[in-house]
Amino acid sequence: MARKFLYFVAGLTFLVILGAFVYRVYGEDLMEIAFVPDTEFEQQAVLEDNVYAEKSMWLARPELTKNNPALWLPTGFEEGESPISEKSRAAVFFIHPTSFTKRDRWNAPLDDKESQALARIFLRGQASAFNQIGDVWAPRYRQATIGAFLTEKPEGQMALDAAYQDVLIAFDYFIEHIPENQPIVLAGHSQGSLHLTNLLKDRVAGTPLANRIVAAYVVGWPVSVDADVPAMGLTVCEAPDQAKCILGWESFAEPAEYGRIIEVYDTTIGFNGEPRKDTKLLCTNPINGDLRSEAKAEMNLGTLVPNNELSDATLVAGAVPARCDDRGFLLIGDPPDLGPYTLPGNNYHVYDYSLFWSNIRADVLRRMQTFLAR
């Protein structure tokens, strides 16, 4: 599914680290030359089932109270006592996006310091949105390098499949070691959301586990409402107070130039075995929590605006509006100035979570309250 899948999405880490100028000048050819490994794919040894018993295999989990990026909160943020009691808190399984850019191998080694440091930055701005309602579990995994998304070589899909096997092992450990009836929130971004779509299909759909899922936030990865969602075990979130459902969006300022994404997306096959061509993308309005409404900027409770080093962020209310267009992309109006990491075409993929951090925090709380009131 994911071979040569969405250059713009796959370019996330490339642009974060190296900047957009080179991409605009040289485009996709340079990205492929620079980031697709020219080495043979090495089959990874399967991780032992109990490897995730080691705390060091997690970027975040409840026992990690020191240097846990998922516990981060923005400067000056104040919040009242959570209405979710300690005994009712959810377990949040979060799969981080691509943070490995090297081309000397197809999958990141677990001890690669650069990719692990970048993954922690992503977790601060993304997984932290869920820390009010539950304890975040975020596994380290041997993620596919960014070059796996930029090639037709079979090694690209092999690398993604290998990464997914680690995610499955981590998820199985997670399920085995949380209380039997604890509510679960699933979330990811970019490569993490790709793995999450497969996890929903393989571990949730048609199982008793589906009844424990509060919501699944499949953000920053295209999901076909018709060709994918029916196989993922949950319905689409159509209302802000709905639980046991799936949310997702891809953020663009206007004018939105996502023609290349559609061009590649339309060549892929959905989970139902049918082409995704001309199917609508799952698009949740993260401000309102529904599918069809428009939200003015003043309804945005808070956008994370990072500093230049990405070491901290300030929460700014009313920064951007949101509405889903006819194809299923989330439009946020005029381009906001959030830093140098916007992708070409007004693609705000890097900021899918931080644009709506406070509203996501409110959204998952609302869905938790609905779930607990069943």
Foldseek 3Di string as FASTA:
>chain_A
DQALAAPLLLCQQVCVVPNAPVCVVPNLVVLLVQFAAPDDADDDDQDDLCPVVDVLQWLFFDVPPPNNLLQADFPPDDDDQQPQDPVQAAEEEEEEAAQARHRNHFWADLPDVRSSVVSSLRSNLFNNLRVRRHGYTYGRFRATHSSLNSHPDVSSVVRLVRRLSRVVSNVVVVCVPDDVQHAYEYEYARSRLVSVLVCLLPPPAPDPVLLRYLEYESEHDWDFQPQRVVSRRADDFAALLAGSHYAYAWEFEPPFDCVVNLVNQQVDGGPNRHGSRPTATHAAQLLGRHAADKFALQSQQWAWQADAVSPHTDTDGSQWIWHADPRGHIYTYHQGPRDRSQHPRRGPSSRRCRGRSNSSSVSSSSSSVSSVVD
